[in-house]
Amino acid sequence: MKIVVLMGGDSTEREVSLVTGDKVAKALEENGHQVIKIDPIATKDEQTKLNQSDRHWIGIDYPDIEMLPLHRGSMYLKNLLIIKRLKPDLVFNALHGGKGENGVVQGMLDAAEILYTGSGRIACLLAMEKEISKIYFKSAKLPTPKAIVLERPEASRKKLKKVDFPQVVKPNNQGSTIGLKIVRNYPEMEEAIDEAFNFSPKVIVEEYIPGREITVGIIKNRTFPVVEIIPKHGVYDYECKYSKGMSRYEVPAQLDEETARLVQKIALKAHSILGCQGYSRVDMRLSPEGEPYVLEVNTLPGLTDTSLLPMACRKAGINYNAMIEMIVEEAINKPKLPVS
C-alpha cells in the first residue's frame, strides 16, 4: 500500500512526533509499503529533505511559498490537499498533541475522504479535553479523580480554598504531561496554575491519588499487559517519558490476576465510552487499596523506543513491525464516520 506518515506538526509535542514518525515509517517500509512522510507545517523543500527525495512532488503544484513561523499553521490545509493529490491508500497519523490529536486533522482528513489510523475527530476531541473526558467517565461510572476546572487566568480561585494537598495541576488539553505539576501547598498551586494557563485556556486542579502509575494499551479492542511506570522524578513527567533511563517499567505490572483483569476492563470501557477506534493507551493510578482511577485516554500514544504501547505489545509476543501492521489493518477495516 501507499501510506503517508503524518509527523511533526506545530504542537508542544513536535519533537516526539518526529521520532515516532521516523520509527513508524521505517517499520512500514520493512513491511513492504511505499511510504511518504509529510510534516503538515513544512514547505516543499522541507518535505523533500524529510523524504530525501523530491520524486513525490513531480507534477504537483505544491504551495512553495516563504512562510514566517507565525504562519506555519496555515500550511496544514495546504499540505492535506497535497496528501489528497498523492492518493495514498492510508494516512498513518503519527502526530502528537495539538491539531493532530484534538480532532482538527481528523476532521480535515474526513472532509477530504482520506482514510487514516486511530480514532475519529469526535473521540479525539473528547479524549483531549480532560474536563469533557471526566464527564464521560463519570456517566459510565468509571472511577476518576475529583477535579476543579478553572476557565481563565483571572478566574476566582475561592473554590480551591478547601482542597486537601497534594493536588495535581495540569492544562485541560495537553499531552505528554506538559504543564503538569504535583503541588503540596497554596503558593505552589498558584504558581502551577499560572504556568498551566500558558498551555491551555482551561486548567484542571485534580485530586492526587497516591499509589502506583499504570497504563493499559489497546489495539483492535484488545487489551495488552498492564505496564507499571516507576519514574525517577516521582512523577512521570516529559523528561521521564522520553529519556532513556529516567523511568523503570514493570511489564506486566506486579498485580494479582483479579486486579489486572479489572484494570484492563476499566481501560477498555474508557476507550469505548469516548468512541475510540484503532488503538489507544489508558493512563490510570492504582491506590494503595488497589482501586484504579482513570486519568486520561491517549488516542495517539507514542510509538518511540521508550513508548509504553510497543513495550506492552512486546510482552504479548508482538514485535514493533507486527504492531504497526495491526494498526494499519484496523484502520483499513474500520467503519467510516459521516462527515456532517
C-alpha atoms as a PDB file:
ATOM      1  CA  MET A   1       0.000   0.000   0.000  1.00  0.00           C
ATOM      2  CA  LYS A   2       0.958   3.626  -0.422  1.00  0.00           C
ATOM      3  CA  ILE A   3       0.970   5.133   3.075  1.00  0.00           C
ATOM      4  CA  VAL A   4       1.553   8.744   4.092  1.00  0.00           C
ATOM      5  CA  VAL A   5       3.019   9.170   7.577  1.00  0.00           C
ATOM      6  CA  LEU A   6       1.891  12.450   9.165  1.00  0.00           C
ATOM      7  CA  MET A   7       4.528  13.624  11.623  1.00  0.00           C
ATOM      8  CA  GLY A   8       5.905  16.745  13.289  1.00  0.00           C
ATOM      9  CA  GLY A   9       3.300  19.489  13.269  1.00  0.00           C
ATOM     10  CA  ASP A  10       3.265  22.576  15.454  1.00  0.00           C
ATOM     11  CA  SER A  11       2.263  21.257  18.882  1.00  0.00           C
ATOM     12  CA  THR A  12       4.423  21.209  22.002  1.00  0.00           C
ATOM     13  CA  GLU A  13       4.980  17.502  21.248  1.00  0.00           C
ATOM     14  CA  ARG A  14       6.504  18.097  17.806  1.00  0.00           C
ATOM     15  CA  GLU A  15       9.906  16.545  18.570  1.00  0.00           C
ATOM     16  CA  VAL A  16       8.379  13.350  19.949  1.00  0.00           C
ATOM     17  CA  SER A  17       6.125  13.123  16.890  1.00  0.00           C
ATOM     18  CA  LEU A  18       9.128  13.349  14.563  1.00  0.00           C
ATOM     19  CA  VAL A  19      10.764  10.428  16.383  1.00  0.00           C
ATOM     20  CA  THR A  20       7.528   8.408  16.285  1.00  0.00           C
ATOM     21  CA  GLY A  21       7.061   9.199  12.595  1.00  0.00           C
ATOM     22  CA  ASP A  22      10.562   8.072  11.639  1.00  0.00           C
ATOM     23  CA  LYS A  23      10.175   4.797  13.504  1.00  0.00           C
ATOM     24  CA  VAL A  24       6.714   4.143  12.062  1.00  0.00           C
ATOM     25  CA  ALA A  25       7.911   4.943   8.521  1.00  0.00           C
ATOM     26  CA  LYS A  26      10.857   2.537   8.863  1.00  0.00           C
ATOM     27  CA  ALA A  27       8.557  -0.253  10.075  1.00  0.00           C
ATOM     28  CA  LEU A  28       6.070   0.348   7.259  1.00  0.00           C
ATOM     29  CA  GLU A  29       8.844   0.216   4.649  1.00  0.00           C
ATOM     30  CA  GLU A  30      10.173  -3.016   6.165  1.00  0.00           C
ATOM     31  CA  ASN A  31       6.613  -4.367   5.982  1.00  0.00           C
ATOM     32  CA  GLY A  32       6.625  -3.727   2.228  1.00  0.00           C
ATOM     33  CA  HIS A  33       4.650  -0.493   1.989  1.00  0.00           C
ATOM     34  CA  GLN A  34       5.521   2.587  -0.072  1.00  0.00           C
ATOM     35  CA  VAL A  35       5.957   5.411   2.450  1.00  0.00           C
ATOM     36  CA  ILE A  36       5.844   9.197   2.084  1.00  0.00           C
ATOM     37  CA  LYS A  37       6.495  11.384   5.126  1.00  0.00           C
ATOM     38  CA  ILE A  38       4.513  14.601   5.476  1.00  0.00           C
ATOM     39  CA  ASP A  39       5.084  17.281   8.099  1.00  0.00           C
ATOM     40  CA  PRO A  40       1.883  19.377   7.940  1.00  0.00           C
ATOM     41  CA  ILE A  41       3.709  22.656   8.584  1.00  0.00           C
ATOM     42  CA  ALA A  42       6.566  22.068   6.119  1.00  0.00           C
ATOM     43  CA  THR A  43       7.304  23.687   2.774  1.00  0.00           C
ATOM     44  CA  LYS A  44       8.108  21.739  -0.397  1.00  0.00           C
ATOM     45  CA  ASP A  45      11.868  21.945   0.217  1.00  0.00           C
ATOM     46  CA  GLU A  46      11.435  20.766   3.818  1.00  0.00           C
ATOM     47  CA  GLN A  47       9.243  17.832   2.690  1.00  0.00           C
ATOM     48  CA  THR A  48      11.900  16.904   0.126  1.00  0.00           C
ATOM     49  CA  LYS A  49      14.562  16.918   2.842  1.00  0.00           C
ATOM     50  CA  LEU A  50      12.323  14.843   5.137  1.00  0.00           C
ATOM     51  CA  ASN A  51      11.919  12.186   2.423  1.00  0.00           C
ATOM     52  CA  GLN A  52      15.441  12.595   0.972  1.00  0.00           C
ATOM     53  CA  SER A  53      13.714  12.806  -2.413  1.00  0.00           C
ATOM     54  CA  ASP A  54      11.563  15.159  -4.481  1.00  0.00           C
ATOM     55  CA  ARG A  55      10.053  12.409  -6.667  1.00  0.00           C
ATOM     56  CA  HIS A  56       6.754  12.546  -4.757  1.00  0.00           C
ATOM     57  CA  TRP A  57       6.001  16.104  -5.834  1.00  0.00           C
ATOM     58  CA  ILE A  58       6.584  15.666  -9.594  1.00  0.00           C
ATOM     59  CA  GLY A  59       3.586  17.070 -11.454  1.00  0.00           C
ATOM     60  CA  ILE A  60       2.037  18.508  -8.290  1.00  0.00           C
ATOM     61  CA  ASP A  61       1.607  22.271  -7.912  1.00  0.00           C
ATOM     62  CA  TYR A  62       2.971  22.373  -4.378  1.00  0.00           C
ATOM     63  CA  PRO A  63       2.357  25.581  -2.371  1.00  0.00           C
ATOM     64  CA  ASP A  64       6.015  26.573  -2.352  1.00  0.00           C
ATOM     65  CA  ILE A  65       5.980  29.970  -0.596  1.00  0.00           C
ATOM     66  CA  GLU A  66       8.106  31.651   2.012  1.00  0.00           C
ATOM     67  CA  MET A  67       6.489  31.207   5.399  1.00  0.00           C
ATOM     68  CA  LEU A  68       7.175  33.030   8.620  1.00  0.00           C
ATOM     69  CA  PRO A  69       6.951  30.871  11.773  1.00  0.00           C
ATOM     70  CA  LEU A  70       3.765  32.768  12.687  1.00  0.00           C
ATOM     71  CA  HIS A  71       2.104  31.479   9.523  1.00  0.00           C
ATOM     72  CA  ARG A  72       3.188  27.865   9.787  1.00  0.00           C
ATOM     73  CA  GLY A  73      -0.241  26.778  10.999  1.00  0.00           C
ATOM     74  CA  SER A  74      -1.799  27.857   7.694  1.00  0.00           C
ATOM     75  CA  MET A  75       0.217  25.134   5.931  1.00  0.00           C
ATOM     76  CA  TYR A  76      -1.942  22.396   7.478  1.00  0.00           C
ATOM     77  CA  LEU A  77      -4.766  22.659   4.959  1.00  0.00           C
ATOM     78  CA  LYS A  78      -2.380  23.087   2.019  1.00  0.00           C
ATOM     79  CA  ASN A  79      -0.397  20.011   2.974  1.00  0.00           C
ATOM     80  CA  LEU A  80      -3.536  17.955   3.487  1.00  0.00           C
ATOM     81  CA  LEU A  81      -4.607  18.937  -0.028  1.00  0.00           C
ATOM     82  CA  ILE A  82      -1.218  17.699  -1.227  1.00  0.00           C
ATOM     83  CA  ILE A  83      -1.920  14.400   0.530  1.00  0.00           C
ATOM     84  CA  LYS A  84      -5.171  14.192  -1.441  1.00  0.00           C
ATOM     85  CA  ARG A  85      -3.180  14.667  -4.662  1.00  0.00           C
ATOM     86  CA  LEU A  86      -0.768  11.893  -3.653  1.00  0.00           C
ATOM     87  CA  LYS A  87      -3.723   9.457  -3.492  1.00  0.00           C
ATOM     88  CA  PRO A  88      -2.469   7.275  -0.612  1.00  0.00           C
ATOM     89  CA  ASP A  89      -4.291   4.143   0.465  1.00  0.00           C
ATOM     90  CA  LEU A  90      -3.923   5.306   4.066  1.00  0.00           C
ATOM     91  CA  VAL A  91      -2.553   8.070   6.270  1.00  0.00           C
ATOM     92  CA  PHE A  92      -0.705   6.844   9.358  1.00  0.00           C
ATOM     93  CA  ASN A  93      -1.214   9.666  11.847  1.00  0.00           C
ATOM     94  CA  ALA A  94       1.979   9.919  13.924  1.00  0.00           C
ATOM     95  CA  LEU A  95       1.239  13.431  15.167  1.00  0.00           C
ATOM     96  CA  HIS A  96       1.024  14.070  18.916  1.00  0.00           C
ATOM     97  CA  GLY A  97      -0.948  16.802  20.630  1.00  0.00           C
ATOM     98  CA  GLY A  98      -2.438  19.951  19.144  1.00  0.00           C
ATOM     99  CA  LYS A  99      -4.318  19.786  15.836  1.00  0.00           C
ATOM    100  CA  GLY A 100      -3.057  16.277  15.169  1.00  0.00           C
ATOM    101  CA  GLU A 101      -4.706  14.791  18.239  1.00  0.00           C
ATOM    102  CA  ASN A 102      -7.632  17.073  19.100  1.00  0.00           C
ATOM    103  CA  GLY A 103      -9.816  16.197  16.116  1.00  0.00           C
ATOM    104  CA  VAL A 104      -8.831  19.050  13.760  1.00  0.00           C
ATOM    105  CA  VAL A 105      -6.630  16.978  11.432  1.00  0.00           C
ATOM    106  CA  GLN A 106      -9.054  14.059  11.697  1.00  0.00           C
ATOM    107  CA  GLY A 107     -11.869  16.363  10.565  1.00  0.00           C
ATOM    108  CA  MET A 108      -9.796  17.608   7.621  1.00  0.00           C
ATOM    109  CA  LEU A 109      -8.990  14.035   6.566  1.00  0.00           C
ATOM    110  CA  ASP A 110     -12.657  13.059   6.899  1.00  0.00           C
ATOM    111  CA  ALA A 111     -13.700  16.005   4.715  1.00  0.00           C
ATOM    112  CA  ALA A 112     -11.088  15.016   2.115  1.00  0.00           C
ATOM    113  CA  GLU A 113     -12.282  11.390   2.316  1.00  0.00           C
ATOM    114  CA  ILE A 114      -8.807  10.147   3.221  1.00  0.00           C
ATOM    115  CA  LEU A 115      -8.539   7.016   5.339  1.00  0.00           C
ATOM    116  CA  TYR A 116      -6.357   7.331   8.457  1.00  0.00           C
ATOM    117  CA  THR A 117      -5.220   5.395  11.511  1.00  0.00           C
ATOM    118  CA  GLY A 118      -6.560   5.907  15.000  1.00  0.00           C
ATOM    119  CA  SER A 119      -9.733   7.430  16.362  1.00  0.00           C
ATOM    120  CA  GLY A 120     -12.066   9.816  14.572  1.00  0.00           C
ATOM    121  CA  ARG A 121     -12.420  13.529  15.158  1.00  0.00           C
ATOM    122  CA  ILE A 122     -15.084  13.318  17.868  1.00  0.00           C
ATOM    123  CA  ALA A 123     -13.297  10.734  20.016  1.00  0.00           C
ATOM    124  CA  CYS A 124     -10.035  12.667  19.682  1.00  0.00           C
ATOM    125  CA  LEU A 125     -11.696  15.884  20.827  1.00  0.00           C
ATOM    126  CA  LEU A 126     -13.358  14.183  23.796  1.00  0.00           C
ATOM    127  CA  ALA A 127     -10.133  12.489  24.871  1.00  0.00           C
ATOM    128  CA  MET A 128      -8.004  15.626  24.537  1.00  0.00           C
ATOM    129  CA  GLU A 129     -10.380  17.794  26.576  1.00  0.00           C
ATOM    130  CA  LYS A 130      -9.819  16.346  30.048  1.00  0.00           C
ATOM    131  CA  GLU A 131     -12.813  18.191  31.528  1.00  0.00           C
ATOM    132  CA  ILE A 132     -15.145  16.554  28.982  1.00  0.00           C
ATOM    133  CA  SER A 133     -13.475  13.152  29.344  1.00  0.00           C
ATOM    134  CA  LYS A 134     -14.233  13.185  33.055  1.00  0.00           C
ATOM    135  CA  ILE A 135     -17.906  13.830  32.357  1.00  0.00           C
ATOM    136  CA  TYR A 136     -17.991  10.754  30.124  1.00  0.00           C
ATOM    137  CA  PHE A 137     -16.062   8.640  32.647  1.00  0.00           C
ATOM    138  CA  LYS A 138     -18.476   9.601  35.401  1.00  0.00           C
ATOM    139  CA  SER A 139     -21.501   8.861  33.213  1.00  0.00           C
ATOM    140  CA  ALA A 140     -20.103   5.361  32.677  1.00  0.00           C
ATOM    141  CA  LYS A 141     -19.437   5.017  36.415  1.00  0.00           C
ATOM    142  CA  LEU A 142     -15.697   4.803  35.823  1.00  0.00           C
ATOM    143  CA  PRO A 143     -13.590   5.923  38.803  1.00  0.00           C
ATOM    144  CA  THR A 144     -11.693   9.150  38.109  1.00  0.00           C
ATOM    145  CA  PRO A 145     -10.080  11.661  40.493  1.00  0.00           C
ATOM    146  CA  LYS A 146     -12.194  14.613  41.629  1.00  0.00           C
ATOM    147  CA  ALA A 147     -11.315  17.824  39.837  1.00  0.00           C
ATOM    148  CA  ILE A 148     -11.951  21.564  39.770  1.00  0.00           C
ATOM    149  CA  VAL A 149     -11.813  23.404  36.435  1.00  0.00           C
ATOM    150  CA  LEU A 150     -10.566  26.979  36.123  1.00  0.00           C
ATOM    151  CA  GLU A 151     -11.634  28.609  32.864  1.00  0.00           C
ATOM    152  CA  ARG A 152      -9.381  31.659  32.603  1.00  0.00           C
ATOM    153  CA  PRO A 153      -6.235  33.009  34.274  1.00  0.00           C
ATOM    154  CA  GLU A 154      -8.107  35.705  36.195  1.00  0.00           C
ATOM    155  CA  ALA A 155     -10.912  33.366  37.346  1.00  0.00           C
ATOM    156  CA  SER A 156     -11.761  33.370  41.038  1.00  0.00           C
ATOM    157  CA  ARG A 157      -9.914  30.633  42.886  1.00  0.00           C
ATOM    158  CA  LYS A 158     -12.072  30.654  46.003  1.00  0.00           C
ATOM    159  CA  LYS A 159     -13.299  27.143  45.199  1.00  0.00           C
ATOM    160  CA  LEU A 160      -9.711  25.931  45.788  1.00  0.00           C
ATOM    161  CA  LYS A 161      -9.535  27.166  49.382  1.00  0.00           C
ATOM    162  CA  LYS A 162     -10.750  23.873  50.860  1.00  0.00           C
ATOM    163  CA  VAL A 163      -8.768  21.376  48.799  1.00  0.00           C
ATOM    164  CA  ASP A 164      -6.559  18.817  50.504  1.00  0.00           C
ATOM    165  CA  PHE A 165      -2.959  18.555  49.393  1.00  0.00           C
ATOM    166  CA  PRO A 166      -1.241  17.241  47.390  1.00  0.00           C
ATOM    167  CA  GLN A 167      -3.118  18.211  44.208  1.00  0.00           C
ATOM    168  CA  VAL A 168      -2.295  17.768  40.530  1.00  0.00           C
ATOM    169  CA  VAL A 169      -2.397  20.880  38.340  1.00  0.00           C
ATOM    170  CA  LYS A 170      -2.457  20.411  34.570  1.00  0.00           C
ATOM    171  CA  PRO A 171      -3.639  22.085  31.364  1.00  0.00           C
ATOM    172  CA  ASN A 172      -7.016  20.888  30.143  1.00  0.00           C
ATOM    173  CA  ASN A 173      -5.908  19.899  26.651  1.00  0.00           C
ATOM    174  CA  GLN A 174      -2.219  18.984  26.572  1.00  0.00           C
ATOM    175  CA  GLY A 175      -0.494  15.623  26.326  1.00  0.00           C
ATOM    176  CA  SER A 176       2.857  14.193  27.461  1.00  0.00           C
ATOM    177  CA  THR A 177       2.321  15.720  30.949  1.00  0.00           C
ATOM    178  CA  ILE A 178       3.280  19.124  29.527  1.00  0.00           C
ATOM    179  CA  GLY A 179       2.460  21.794  32.125  1.00  0.00           C
ATOM    180  CA  LEU A 180       1.636  19.190  34.795  1.00  0.00           C
ATOM    181  CA  LYS A 181       2.773  19.724  38.388  1.00  0.00           C
ATOM    182  CA  ILE A 182       2.102  17.996  41.695  1.00  0.00           C
ATOM    183  CA  VAL A 183       1.688  20.702  44.347  1.00  0.00           C
ATOM    184  CA  ARG A 184       1.754  20.451  48.138  1.00  0.00           C
ATOM    185  CA  ASN A 185       0.649  23.896  49.292  1.00  0.00           C
ATOM    186  CA  TYR A 186      -1.194  27.018  48.116  1.00  0.00           C
ATOM    187  CA  PRO A 187       1.830  29.001  46.870  1.00  0.00           C
ATOM    188  CA  GLU A 188       2.964  26.027  44.770  1.00  0.00           C
ATOM    189  CA  MET A 189      -0.576  25.602  43.453  1.00  0.00           C
ATOM    190  CA  GLU A 190      -0.914  29.264  42.440  1.00  0.00           C
ATOM    191  CA  GLU A 191       2.397  29.142  40.585  1.00  0.00           C
ATOM    192  CA  ALA A 192       1.497  25.861  38.844  1.00  0.00           C
ATOM    193  CA  ILE A 193      -1.910  27.225  37.778  1.00  0.00           C
ATOM    194  CA  ASP A 194      -0.340  30.323  36.249  1.00  0.00           C
ATOM    195  CA  GLU A 195       2.129  28.148  34.350  1.00  0.00           C
ATOM    196  CA  ALA A 196      -0.574  25.733  33.155  1.00  0.00           C
ATOM    197  CA  PHE A 197      -2.577  28.638  31.697  1.00  0.00           C
ATOM    198  CA  ASN A 198       0.354  29.207  29.335  1.00  0.00           C
ATOM    199  CA  PHE A 199      -0.623  25.955  27.605  1.00  0.00           C
ATOM    200  CA  SER A 200      -4.410  25.956  27.739  1.00  0.00           C
ATOM    201  CA  PRO A 201      -7.393  28.315  28.267  1.00  0.00           C
ATOM    202  CA  LYS A 202      -8.626  25.917  30.974  1.00  0.00           C
ATOM    203  CA  VAL A 203      -6.719  24.374  33.881  1.00  0.00           C
ATOM    204  CA  ILE A 204      -7.575  21.253  35.871  1.00  0.00           C
ATOM    205  CA  VAL A 205      -6.839  21.057  39.605  1.00  0.00           C
ATOM    206  CA  GLU A 206      -7.224  17.387  40.365  1.00  0.00           C
ATOM    207  CA  GLU A 207      -7.203  15.204  43.443  1.00  0.00           C
ATOM    208  CA  TYR A 208      -3.861  13.426  43.749  1.00  0.00           C
ATOM    209  CA  ILE A 209      -4.258   9.660  44.058  1.00  0.00           C
ATOM    210  CA  PRO A 210      -1.323   8.141  45.963  1.00  0.00           C
ATOM    211  CA  GLY A 211      -0.117   4.756  44.857  1.00  0.00           C
ATOM    212  CA  ARG A 212       1.096   3.397  41.538  1.00  0.00           C
ATOM    213  CA  GLU A 213       1.196   4.740  37.973  1.00  0.00           C
ATOM    214  CA  ILE A 214      -0.158   2.190  35.489  1.00  0.00           C
ATOM    215  CA  THR A 215      -1.262   2.175  31.869  1.00  0.00           C
ATOM    216  CA  VAL A 216      -3.071  -0.181  29.507  1.00  0.00           C
ATOM    217  CA  GLY A 217      -2.552  -0.279  25.747  1.00  0.00           C
ATOM    218  CA  ILE A 218      -5.399  -1.212  23.416  1.00  0.00           C
ATOM    219  CA  ILE A 219      -5.397  -2.283  19.754  1.00  0.00           C
ATOM    220  CA  LYS A 220      -8.471  -3.658  17.964  1.00  0.00           C
ATOM    221  CA  ASN A 221     -10.379  -3.613  21.270  1.00  0.00           C
ATOM    222  CA  ARG A 222      -7.769  -5.983  22.688  1.00  0.00           C
ATOM    223  CA  THR A 223      -6.089  -5.008  25.941  1.00  0.00           C
ATOM    224  CA  PHE A 224      -2.395  -5.691  26.429  1.00  0.00           C
ATOM    225  CA  PRO A 225      -0.413  -6.419  29.615  1.00  0.00           C
ATOM    226  CA  VAL A 226      -0.649  -3.703  32.267  1.00  0.00           C
ATOM    227  CA  VAL A 227       2.506  -1.575  32.483  1.00  0.00           C
ATOM    228  CA  GLU A 228       3.616  -0.030  35.773  1.00  0.00           C
ATOM    229  CA  ILE A 229       5.718   3.125  35.478  1.00  0.00           C
ATOM    230  CA  ILE A 230       8.279   3.913  38.163  1.00  0.00           C
ATOM    231  CA  PRO A 231       9.738   7.339  37.285  1.00  0.00           C
ATOM    232  CA  LYS A 232      12.947   8.687  38.812  1.00  0.00           C
ATOM    233  CA  HIS A 233      11.337  12.074  39.462  1.00  0.00           C
ATOM    234  CA  GLY A 234       8.447  10.595  41.418  1.00  0.00           C
ATOM    235  CA  VAL A 235       6.124  11.933  38.705  1.00  0.00           C
ATOM    236  CA  TYR A 236       6.011  10.658  35.138  1.00  0.00           C
ATOM    237  CA  ASP A 237       6.888  13.981  33.514  1.00  0.00           C
ATOM    238  CA  TYR A 238       8.085  14.797  29.982  1.00  0.00           C
ATOM    239  CA  GLU A 239      11.736  14.015  30.734  1.00  0.00           C
ATOM    240  CA  CYS A 240      10.919  10.680  32.359  1.00  0.00           C
ATOM    241  CA  LYS A 241       8.653   9.744  29.442  1.00  0.00           C
ATOM    242  CA  TYR A 242      11.106  10.371  26.636  1.00  0.00           C
ATOM    243  CA  SER A 243      14.598  10.000  28.143  1.00  0.00           C
ATOM    244  CA  LYS A 244      16.072   6.535  28.371  1.00  0.00           C
ATOM    245  CA  GLY A 245      16.941   5.526  31.919  1.00  0.00           C
ATOM    246  CA  MET A 246      14.656   8.121  33.556  1.00  0.00           C
ATOM    247  CA  SER A 247      11.931   5.574  34.312  1.00  0.00           C
ATOM    248  CA  ARG A 248      11.734   1.919  35.203  1.00  0.00           C
ATOM    249  CA  TYR A 249       8.901  -0.260  33.929  1.00  0.00           C
ATOM    250  CA  GLU A 250       7.286  -3.455  35.174  1.00  0.00           C
ATOM    251  CA  VAL A 251       5.679  -5.393  32.314  1.00  0.00           C
ATOM    252  CA  PRO A 252       3.384  -6.916  33.266  1.00  0.00           C
ATOM    253  CA  ALA A 253       2.780  -4.914  36.414  1.00  0.00           C
ATOM    254  CA  GLN A 254       3.006  -6.948  39.600  1.00  0.00           C
ATOM    255  CA  LEU A 255      -0.744  -7.217  40.183  1.00  0.00           C
ATOM    256  CA  ASP A 256      -2.898 -10.099  41.286  1.00  0.00           C
ATOM    257  CA  GLU A 257      -4.926 -11.621  38.460  1.00  0.00           C
ATOM    258  CA  GLU A 258      -8.222 -10.118  39.616  1.00  0.00           C
ATOM    259  CA  THR A 259      -6.835  -6.566  39.792  1.00  0.00           C
ATOM    260  CA  ALA A 260      -5.121  -6.898  36.418  1.00  0.00           C
ATOM    261  CA  ARG A 261      -8.368  -8.022  34.798  1.00  0.00           C
ATOM    262  CA  LEU A 262     -10.277  -5.183  36.485  1.00  0.00           C
ATOM    263  CA  VAL A 263      -7.771  -2.587  35.278  1.00  0.00           C
ATOM    264  CA  GLN A 264      -7.938  -3.908  31.706  1.00  0.00           C
ATOM    265  CA  LYS A 265     -11.739  -3.954  31.812  1.00  0.00           C
ATOM    266  CA  ILE A 266     -11.875  -0.337  33.022  1.00  0.00           C
ATOM    267  CA  ALA A 267      -9.358   0.715  30.361  1.00  0.00           C
ATOM    268  CA  LEU A 268     -11.398  -0.847  27.563  1.00  0.00           C
ATOM    269  CA  LYS A 269     -14.563   0.774  28.876  1.00  0.00           C
ATOM    270  CA  ALA A 270     -12.866   4.200  28.992  1.00  0.00           C
ATOM    271  CA  HIS A 271     -11.633   3.677  25.412  1.00  0.00           C
ATOM    272  CA  SER A 272     -15.123   2.668  24.274  1.00  0.00           C
ATOM    273  CA  ILE A 273     -17.139   5.337  26.109  1.00  0.00           C
ATOM    274  CA  LEU A 274     -15.209   8.054  24.255  1.00  0.00           C
ATOM    275  CA  GLY A 275     -15.783   6.284  20.929  1.00  0.00           C
ATOM    276  CA  CYS A 276     -12.120   5.481  20.306  1.00  0.00           C
ATOM    277  CA  GLN A 277     -11.112   3.324  17.365  1.00  0.00           C
ATOM    278  CA  GLY A 278      -7.984   1.529  16.283  1.00  0.00           C
ATOM    279  CA  TYR A 279      -5.672   1.953  19.224  1.00  0.00           C
ATOM    280  CA  SER A 280      -5.146   3.972  22.389  1.00  0.00           C
ATOM    281  CA  ARG A 281      -3.467   3.927  25.769  1.00  0.00           C
ATOM    282  CA  VAL A 282      -5.367   4.494  29.008  1.00  0.00           C
ATOM    283  CA  ASP A 283      -3.440   6.019  31.928  1.00  0.00           C
ATOM    284  CA  MET A 284      -4.502   5.271  35.489  1.00  0.00           C
ATOM    285  CA  ARG A 285      -3.480   5.494  39.120  1.00  0.00           C
ATOM    286  CA  LEU A 286      -3.813   2.496  41.403  1.00  0.00           C
ATOM    287  CA  SER A 287      -4.415   3.491  45.022  1.00  0.00           C
ATOM    288  CA  PRO A 288      -2.726   1.691  47.957  1.00  0.00           C
ATOM    289  CA  GLU A 289      -6.095  -0.042  48.491  1.00  0.00           C
ATOM    290  CA  GLY A 290      -5.940  -1.431  44.955  1.00  0.00           C
ATOM    291  CA  GLU A 291      -8.595   0.877  43.486  1.00  0.00           C
ATOM    292  CA  PRO A 292      -7.910   2.048  39.898  1.00  0.00           C
ATOM    293  CA  TYR A 293      -8.672   5.637  38.806  1.00  0.00           C
ATOM    294  CA  VAL A 294      -8.797   6.665  35.151  1.00  0.00           C
ATOM    295  CA  LEU A 295      -6.691   9.741  34.395  1.00  0.00           C
ATOM    296  CA  GLU A 296      -6.979  10.026  30.615  1.00  0.00           C
ATOM    297  CA  VAL A 297      -7.175   8.220  27.291  1.00  0.00           C
ATOM    298  CA  ASN A 298      -4.380   8.873  24.789  1.00  0.00           C
ATOM    299  CA  THR A 299      -5.777   8.494  21.265  1.00  0.00           C
ATOM    300  CA  LEU A 300      -2.313   8.802  19.670  1.00  0.00           C
ATOM    301  CA  PRO A 301       0.086   7.235  22.165  1.00  0.00           C
ATOM    302  CA  GLY A 302       3.802   7.483  21.475  1.00  0.00           C
ATOM    303  CA  LEU A 303       5.432   4.818  19.335  1.00  0.00           C
ATOM    304  CA  THR A 304       9.090   5.580  20.115  1.00  0.00           C
ATOM    305  CA  ASP A 305      11.741   3.262  21.580  1.00  0.00           C
ATOM    306  CA  THR A 306      10.711   4.254  25.116  1.00  0.00           C
ATOM    307  CA  SER A 307       6.953   4.235  24.498  1.00  0.00           C
ATOM    308  CA  LEU A 308       4.605   2.095  26.533  1.00  0.00           C
ATOM    309  CA  LEU A 309       2.267   0.593  23.926  1.00  0.00           C
ATOM    310  CA  PRO A 310       5.135  -1.068  21.992  1.00  0.00           C
ATOM    311  CA  MET A 311       6.518  -2.259  25.330  1.00  0.00           C
ATOM    312  CA  ALA A 312       3.230  -3.942  26.251  1.00  0.00           C
ATOM    313  CA  CYS A 313       2.915  -5.477  22.779  1.00  0.00           C
ATOM    314  CA  ARG A 314       6.399  -6.974  23.009  1.00  0.00           C
ATOM    315  CA  LYS A 315       5.425  -8.640  26.283  1.00  0.00           C
ATOM    316  CA  ALA A 316       2.417 -10.134  24.498  1.00  0.00           C
ATOM    317  CA  GLY A 317       4.714 -11.546  21.810  1.00  0.00           C
ATOM    318  CA  ILE A 318       4.017  -8.885  19.156  1.00  0.00           C
ATOM    319  CA  ASN A 319       7.086  -7.099  17.794  1.00  0.00           C
ATOM    320  CA  TYR A 320       7.100  -3.475  16.667  1.00  0.00           C
ATOM    321  CA  ASN A 321       6.559  -4.118  12.951  1.00  0.00           C
ATOM    322  CA  ALA A 322       3.703  -6.522  13.653  1.00  0.00           C
ATOM    323  CA  MET A 323       2.100  -3.952  15.971  1.00  0.00           C
ATOM    324  CA  ILE A 324       2.280  -1.293  13.241  1.00  0.00           C
ATOM    325  CA  GLU A 325       0.678  -3.699  10.779  1.00  0.00           C
ATOM    326  CA  MET A 326      -2.136  -4.398  13.270  1.00  0.00           C
ATOM    327  CA  ILE A 327      -2.828  -0.649  13.474  1.00  0.00           C
ATOM    328  CA  VAL A 328      -2.829  -0.403   9.666  1.00  0.00           C
ATOM    329  CA  GLU A 329      -5.203  -3.355   9.270  1.00  0.00           C
ATOM    330  CA  GLU A 330      -7.568  -1.918  11.878  1.00  0.00           C
ATOM    331  CA  ALA A 331      -7.630   1.423  10.046  1.00  0.00           C
ATOM    332  CA  ILE A 332      -8.369  -0.185   6.675  1.00  0.00           C
ATOM    333  CA  ASN A 333     -11.270  -2.149   8.141  1.00  0.00           C
ATOM    334  CA  LYS A 334     -12.813   0.426  10.493  1.00  0.00           C
ATOM    335  CA  PRO A 335     -16.269   1.769   9.636  1.00  0.00           C
ATOM    336  CA  LYS A 336     -16.301   5.225   8.055  1.00  0.00           C
ATOM    337  CA  LEU A 337     -17.846   8.035  10.077  1.00  0.00           C
ATOM    338  CA  PRO A 338     -20.209  10.545   8.454  1.00  0.00           C
ATOM    339  CA  VAL A 339     -18.549  13.866   7.550  1.00  0.00           C
ATOM    340  CA  SER A 340     -21.503  16.044   8.574  1.00  0.00           C
END
